[in-house]
Amino acid sequence: MRTAAELLAAHCRPLEGNAAMSSERVIAQLAALPQWQLVDGAISRSYRFANHFETIAFVNALAWMVHREDHHPDLVVGYNRCEVRFNTHSVGGISDNDFICAAKADAIFAQHYGSAAA
């Protein structure tokens, strides 16, 4: 399994076929990103903010990062929260790309809001 630092240093790559991680491997990899959880075939985390402006600023920073990585999450955005869900449609499950982007989302949050925990 990769550490959070190793995930941050990595970049997404095109995946197809049998690149989905086993459920055991997903559970093990989640240890590197303790705020994330496995929910309905995706890894998911909810971030909390002081207000709507901070929420949208995070969404915009996240959008820039995932566009660069070419790996896009599902988002649920509210006044002071954003739920982020990653899975890899092309492999029908969760892949390394999901964990790479999850680690980068945590880094964006920590850089602007002071902590990876929310």
N, C-alpha and C. Protein backbone atom coordinates (compact mmCIF):
# COMPACT_ATOMS: atom_id res chain seq x y z
N MET A 1 0.83 -1.17 0.00
CA MET A 1 0.00 0.00 0.00
C MET A 1 0.88 1.24 0.00
N ARG A 2 0.35 2.29 -0.57
CA ARG A 2 1.08 3.56 -0.64
C ARG A 2 0.77 4.43 0.57
N THR A 3 1.76 5.22 0.97
CA THR A 3 1.54 6.20 2.02
C THR A 3 0.84 7.41 1.41
N ALA A 4 0.34 8.29 2.25
CA ALA A 4 -0.29 9.52 1.76
C ALA A 4 0.71 10.34 0.95
N ALA A 5 1.96 10.39 1.38
CA ALA A 5 2.99 11.14 0.65
C ALA A 5 3.24 10.53 -0.73
N GLU A 6 3.26 9.21 -0.81
CA GLU A 6 3.44 8.55 -2.11
C GLU A 6 2.26 8.81 -3.03
N LEU A 7 1.04 8.82 -2.48
CA LEU A 7 -0.14 9.12 -3.29
C LEU A 7 -0.08 10.55 -3.81
N LEU A 8 0.35 11.49 -2.97
CA LEU A 8 0.48 12.89 -3.39
C LEU A 8 1.47 13.07 -4.53
N ALA A 9 2.53 12.30 -4.52
CA ALA A 9 3.57 12.42 -5.54
C ALA A 9 3.19 11.75 -6.86
N ALA A 10 2.18 10.91 -6.83
CA ALA A 10 1.78 10.14 -8.02
C ALA A 10 0.81 10.94 -8.88
N HIS A 11 0.62 10.46 -10.10
CA HIS A 11 -0.36 11.04 -11.02
C HIS A 11 -1.24 9.93 -11.57
N CYS A 12 -2.47 10.30 -11.88
CA CYS A 12 -3.41 9.33 -12.44
C CYS A 12 -2.95 8.90 -13.83
N ARG A 13 -3.35 7.68 -14.18
CA ARG A 13 -3.04 7.16 -15.51
C ARG A 13 -4.29 6.49 -16.06
N PRO A 14 -4.39 6.40 -17.37
CA PRO A 14 -5.56 5.74 -17.96
C PRO A 14 -5.62 4.28 -17.52
N LEU A 15 -6.81 3.83 -17.17
CA LEU A 15 -7.00 2.45 -16.70
C LEU A 15 -8.21 1.85 -17.40
N GLU A 16 -8.11 0.57 -17.67
CA GLU A 16 -9.24 -0.18 -18.22
C GLU A 16 -9.15 -1.61 -17.72
N GLY A 17 -10.23 -2.33 -17.93
CA GLY A 17 -10.21 -3.76 -17.65
C GLY A 17 -10.18 -4.11 -16.20
N ASN A 18 -9.19 -4.92 -15.81
CA ASN A 18 -9.17 -5.50 -14.46
C ASN A 18 -8.29 -4.73 -13.49
N ALA A 19 -8.25 -3.40 -13.60
CA ALA A 19 -7.41 -2.59 -12.71
C ALA A 19 -8.12 -2.22 -11.40
N ALA A 20 -9.34 -2.70 -11.20
CA ALA A 20 -10.04 -2.41 -9.95
C ALA A 20 -9.33 -3.11 -8.79
N MET A 21 -9.28 -2.44 -7.66
CA MET A 21 -8.66 -2.99 -6.47
C MET A 21 -9.62 -3.97 -5.79
N SER A 22 -9.08 -4.98 -5.17
CA SER A 22 -9.90 -5.89 -4.38
C SER A 22 -10.41 -5.14 -3.16
N SER A 23 -11.49 -5.61 -2.57
CA SER A 23 -12.03 -4.95 -1.38
C SER A 23 -11.02 -4.96 -0.24
N GLU A 24 -10.24 -6.01 -0.13
CA GLU A 24 -9.21 -6.08 0.91
C GLU A 24 -8.15 -5.01 0.71
N ARG A 25 -7.76 -4.82 -0.54
CA ARG A 25 -6.74 -3.80 -0.84
C ARG A 25 -7.29 -2.39 -0.62
N VAL A 26 -8.56 -2.17 -0.97
CA VAL A 26 -9.19 -0.87 -0.73
C VAL A 26 -9.18 -0.57 0.77
N ILE A 27 -9.61 -1.53 1.57
CA ILE A 27 -9.65 -1.34 3.03
C ILE A 27 -8.25 -1.04 3.56
N ALA A 28 -7.25 -1.77 3.09
CA ALA A 28 -5.88 -1.54 3.54
C ALA A 28 -5.39 -0.15 3.13
N GLN A 29 -5.70 0.27 1.91
CA GLN A 29 -5.24 1.58 1.42
C GLN A 29 -5.93 2.72 2.15
N LEU A 30 -7.15 2.50 2.59
CA LEU A 30 -7.87 3.54 3.35
C LEU A 30 -7.12 3.95 4.62
N ALA A 31 -6.27 3.08 5.14
CA ALA A 31 -5.49 3.41 6.34
C ALA A 31 -4.60 4.62 6.12
N ALA A 32 -4.18 4.86 4.87
CA ALA A 32 -3.33 6.02 4.56
C ALA A 32 -4.13 7.32 4.51
N LEU A 33 -5.45 7.20 4.39
CA LEU A 33 -6.33 8.37 4.31
C LEU A 33 -7.48 8.18 5.30
N PRO A 34 -7.22 8.38 6.59
CA PRO A 34 -8.18 7.98 7.61
C PRO A 34 -9.52 8.71 7.59
N GLN A 35 -9.63 9.85 6.94
CA GLN A 35 -10.90 10.56 6.87
C GLN A 35 -11.82 10.01 5.78
N TRP A 36 -11.30 9.16 4.93
CA TRP A 36 -12.08 8.59 3.82
C TRP A 36 -12.68 7.26 4.24
N GLN A 37 -13.80 6.92 3.63
CA GLN A 37 -14.44 5.64 3.92
C GLN A 37 -15.00 5.03 2.65
N LEU A 38 -15.21 3.75 2.70
CA LEU A 38 -15.80 3.02 1.59
C LEU A 38 -17.32 3.08 1.74
N VAL A 39 -18.00 3.63 0.71
CA VAL A 39 -19.45 3.77 0.75
C VAL A 39 -20.01 3.44 -0.63
N ASP A 40 -20.80 2.39 -0.72
CA ASP A 40 -21.49 2.03 -1.97
C ASP A 40 -20.57 2.01 -3.19
N GLY A 41 -19.45 1.33 -3.08
CA GLY A 41 -18.56 1.14 -4.22
C GLY A 41 -17.71 2.34 -4.59
N ALA A 42 -17.56 3.28 -3.67
CA ALA A 42 -16.71 4.45 -3.90
C ALA A 42 -16.02 4.80 -2.59
N ILE A 43 -14.93 5.57 -2.69
CA ILE A 43 -14.36 6.14 -1.48
C ILE A 43 -14.94 7.53 -1.34
N SER A 44 -15.28 7.89 -0.11
CA SER A 44 -16.04 9.11 0.13
C SER A 44 -15.53 9.85 1.35
N ARG A 45 -15.61 11.17 1.27
CA ARG A 45 -15.27 12.02 2.41
C ARG A 45 -16.11 13.29 2.33
N SER A 46 -16.52 13.79 3.48
CA SER A 46 -17.23 15.05 3.56
C SER A 46 -16.32 16.08 4.22
N TYR A 47 -16.20 17.24 3.58
CA TYR A 47 -15.41 18.35 4.10
C TYR A 47 -16.36 19.43 4.61
N ARG A 48 -16.01 20.09 5.71
CA ARG A 48 -16.83 21.15 6.29
C ARG A 48 -16.09 22.49 6.21
N PHE A 49 -16.87 23.56 6.02
CA PHE A 49 -16.32 24.89 5.83
C PHE A 49 -17.08 25.90 6.68
N ALA A 50 -16.54 27.09 6.81
CA ALA A 50 -17.17 28.13 7.62
C ALA A 50 -18.37 28.75 6.91
N ASN A 51 -18.35 28.75 5.58
CA ASN A 51 -19.42 29.42 4.84
C ASN A 51 -19.44 28.93 3.39
N HIS A 52 -20.38 29.46 2.64
CA HIS A 52 -20.55 29.03 1.25
C HIS A 52 -19.36 29.43 0.37
N PHE A 53 -18.82 30.61 0.60
CA PHE A 53 -17.67 31.06 -0.18
C PHE A 53 -16.50 30.09 -0.06
N GLU A 54 -16.19 29.65 1.16
CA GLU A 54 -15.10 28.69 1.35
C GLU A 54 -15.41 27.36 0.68
N THR A 55 -16.66 26.94 0.74
CA THR A 55 -17.06 25.69 0.10
C THR A 55 -16.81 25.76 -1.40
N ILE A 56 -17.26 26.83 -2.02
CA ILE A 56 -17.11 26.97 -3.48
C ILE A 56 -15.64 27.16 -3.86
N ALA A 57 -14.87 27.85 -3.03
CA ALA A 57 -13.43 27.99 -3.31
C ALA A 57 -12.76 26.62 -3.32
N PHE A 58 -13.12 25.76 -2.36
CA PHE A 58 -12.59 24.40 -2.33
C PHE A 58 -13.02 23.63 -3.58
N VAL A 59 -14.28 23.72 -3.94
CA VAL A 59 -14.78 23.02 -5.13
C VAL A 59 -14.01 23.47 -6.37
N ASN A 60 -13.75 24.76 -6.49
CA ASN A 60 -13.00 25.26 -7.64
C ASN A 60 -11.56 24.75 -7.64
N ALA A 61 -10.91 24.74 -6.50
CA ALA A 61 -9.54 24.20 -6.42
C ALA A 61 -9.54 22.71 -6.73
N LEU A 62 -10.52 22.00 -6.22
CA LEU A 62 -10.65 20.57 -6.51
C LEU A 62 -10.87 20.34 -8.00
N ALA A 63 -11.73 21.16 -8.62
CA ALA A 63 -12.00 21.02 -10.05
C ALA A 63 -10.73 21.21 -10.88
N TRP A 64 -9.89 22.14 -10.50
CA TRP A 64 -8.65 22.36 -11.22
C TRP A 64 -7.74 21.13 -11.11
N MET A 65 -7.62 20.59 -9.90
CA MET A 65 -6.76 19.43 -9.69
C MET A 65 -7.26 18.21 -10.46
N VAL A 66 -8.55 17.91 -10.36
CA VAL A 66 -9.05 16.70 -11.01
C VAL A 66 -9.04 16.84 -12.53
N HIS A 67 -9.18 18.05 -13.03
CA HIS A 67 -9.05 18.26 -14.47
C HIS A 67 -7.63 17.94 -14.92
N ARG A 68 -6.66 18.41 -14.16
CA ARG A 68 -5.25 18.13 -14.46
C ARG A 68 -4.96 16.63 -14.38
N GLU A 69 -5.56 15.93 -13.42
CA GLU A 69 -5.35 14.49 -13.27
C GLU A 69 -6.23 13.68 -14.21
N ASP A 70 -7.22 14.31 -14.82
CA ASP A 70 -8.19 13.66 -15.70
C ASP A 70 -8.89 12.51 -14.99
N HIS A 71 -9.34 12.81 -13.76
CA HIS A 71 -10.05 11.82 -12.95
C HIS A 71 -11.04 12.57 -12.08
N HIS A 72 -12.31 12.44 -12.36
CA HIS A 72 -13.32 13.34 -11.83
C HIS A 72 -14.24 12.67 -10.82
N PRO A 73 -14.48 13.33 -9.68
CA PRO A 73 -15.34 12.76 -8.63
C PRO A 73 -16.80 13.15 -8.83
N ASP A 74 -17.64 12.52 -8.05
CA ASP A 74 -19.00 12.99 -7.85
C ASP A 74 -18.96 13.90 -6.63
N LEU A 75 -19.67 15.03 -6.72
CA LEU A 75 -19.70 16.00 -5.63
C LEU A 75 -21.13 16.26 -5.19
N VAL A 76 -21.31 16.43 -3.90
CA VAL A 76 -22.56 16.94 -3.35
C VAL A 76 -22.15 18.18 -2.56
N VAL A 77 -22.66 19.33 -3.01
CA VAL A 77 -22.23 20.61 -2.45
C VAL A 77 -23.40 21.26 -1.72
N GLY A 78 -23.15 21.69 -0.50
CA GLY A 78 -24.13 22.43 0.29
C GLY A 78 -23.53 23.74 0.75
N TYR A 79 -24.24 24.44 1.60
CA TYR A 79 -23.80 25.76 2.07
C TYR A 79 -22.39 25.71 2.66
N ASN A 80 -22.15 24.80 3.58
CA ASN A 80 -20.85 24.77 4.27
C ASN A 80 -20.22 23.37 4.27
N ARG A 81 -20.51 22.60 3.23
CA ARG A 81 -19.95 21.25 3.16
C ARG A 81 -19.84 20.80 1.71
N CYS A 82 -18.97 19.84 1.50
CA CYS A 82 -18.83 19.23 0.19
C CYS A 82 -18.48 17.76 0.40
N GLU A 83 -19.31 16.89 -0.14
CA GLU A 83 -19.01 15.47 -0.12
C GLU A 83 -18.35 15.11 -1.44
N VAL A 84 -17.23 14.42 -1.36
CA VAL A 84 -16.46 14.03 -2.53
C VAL A 84 -16.45 12.50 -2.59
N ARG A 85 -16.78 11.95 -3.76
CA ARG A 85 -16.82 10.49 -3.95
C ARG A 85 -16.03 10.13 -5.20
N PHE A 86 -15.08 9.24 -5.04
CA PHE A 86 -14.28 8.77 -6.17
C PHE A 86 -14.52 7.28 -6.39
N ASN A 87 -14.68 6.90 -7.64
CA ASN A 87 -14.53 5.53 -8.12
C ASN A 87 -14.13 5.62 -9.58
N THR A 88 -13.72 4.52 -10.16
CA THR A 88 -13.21 4.54 -11.52
C THR A 88 -14.16 3.76 -12.42
N HIS A 89 -14.95 4.49 -13.18
CA HIS A 89 -15.97 3.87 -14.01
C HIS A 89 -15.38 2.90 -15.04
N SER A 90 -14.21 3.25 -15.59
CA SER A 90 -13.63 2.42 -16.65
C SER A 90 -13.19 1.04 -16.17
N VAL A 91 -13.02 0.87 -14.85
CA VAL A 91 -12.64 -0.44 -14.32
C VAL A 91 -13.76 -1.05 -13.48
N GLY A 92 -14.84 -0.33 -13.33
CA GLY A 92 -15.97 -0.86 -12.57
C GLY A 92 -15.70 -1.03 -11.09
N GLY A 93 -14.91 -0.15 -10.52
CA GLY A 93 -14.59 -0.25 -9.09
C GLY A 93 -13.70 0.88 -8.65
N ILE A 94 -12.92 0.61 -7.63
CA ILE A 94 -12.00 1.60 -7.07
C ILE A 94 -10.59 1.27 -7.54
N SER A 95 -9.86 2.31 -7.91
CA SER A 95 -8.50 2.12 -8.43
C SER A 95 -7.51 3.01 -7.69
N ASP A 96 -6.24 2.85 -8.02
CA ASP A 96 -5.20 3.73 -7.48
C ASP A 96 -5.51 5.19 -7.77
N ASN A 97 -6.08 5.48 -8.94
CA ASN A 97 -6.39 6.86 -9.29
C ASN A 97 -7.31 7.52 -8.26
N ASP A 98 -8.24 6.76 -7.72
CA ASP A 98 -9.15 7.30 -6.71
C ASP A 98 -8.39 7.73 -5.46
N PHE A 99 -7.45 6.92 -5.04
CA PHE A 99 -6.68 7.25 -3.85
C PHE A 99 -5.71 8.40 -4.11
N ILE A 100 -5.15 8.48 -5.30
CA ILE A 100 -4.27 9.59 -5.66
C ILE A 100 -5.04 10.91 -5.55
N CYS A 101 -6.22 10.95 -6.14
CA CYS A 101 -7.02 12.18 -6.10
C CYS A 101 -7.56 12.48 -4.71
N ALA A 102 -7.88 11.45 -3.95
CA ALA A 102 -8.34 11.67 -2.57
C ALA A 102 -7.23 12.31 -1.74
N ALA A 103 -6.01 11.83 -1.88
CA ALA A 103 -4.88 12.42 -1.14
C ALA A 103 -4.67 13.87 -1.56
N LYS A 104 -4.82 14.14 -2.84
CA LYS A 104 -4.64 15.52 -3.33
C LYS A 104 -5.78 16.42 -2.86
N ALA A 105 -6.99 15.90 -2.75
CA ALA A 105 -8.10 16.68 -2.21
C ALA A 105 -7.82 17.02 -0.74
N ASP A 106 -7.32 16.06 0.03
CA ASP A 106 -6.96 16.33 1.42
C ASP A 106 -5.88 17.39 1.51
N ALA A 107 -4.91 17.37 0.60
CA ALA A 107 -3.84 18.36 0.62
C ALA A 107 -4.37 19.76 0.30
N ILE A 108 -5.30 19.85 -0.63
CA ILE A 108 -5.93 21.15 -0.92
C ILE A 108 -6.62 21.67 0.33
N PHE A 109 -7.40 20.81 0.95
CA PHE A 109 -8.12 21.21 2.17
C PHE A 109 -7.15 21.65 3.26
N ALA A 110 -6.12 20.85 3.50
CA ALA A 110 -5.15 21.17 4.55
C ALA A 110 -4.42 22.48 4.26
N GLN A 111 -4.09 22.72 3.01
CA GLN A 111 -3.35 23.92 2.65
C GLN A 111 -4.18 25.17 2.90
N HIS A 112 -5.45 25.12 2.62
CA HIS A 112 -6.29 26.30 2.72
C HIS A 112 -7.06 26.40 4.02
N TYR A 113 -7.28 25.29 4.69
CA TYR A 113 -8.13 25.31 5.87
C TYR A 113 -7.44 24.76 7.11
N GLY A 114 -6.12 24.49 7.00
CA GLY A 114 -5.30 24.23 8.15
C GLY A 114 -5.17 22.80 8.65
N SER A 115 -5.99 21.88 8.15
CA SER A 115 -5.91 20.52 8.66
C SER A 115 -6.56 19.58 7.67
N ALA A 116 -6.06 18.37 7.59
CA ALA A 116 -6.70 17.36 6.74
C ALA A 116 -7.95 16.82 7.40
N ALA A 117 -8.11 17.02 8.69
CA ALA A 117 -9.29 16.52 9.40
C ALA A 117 -10.40 17.55 9.39
N ALA A 118 -11.59 17.09 9.06
CA ALA A 118 -12.77 17.99 9.11
C ALA A 118 -14.00 17.17 9.37
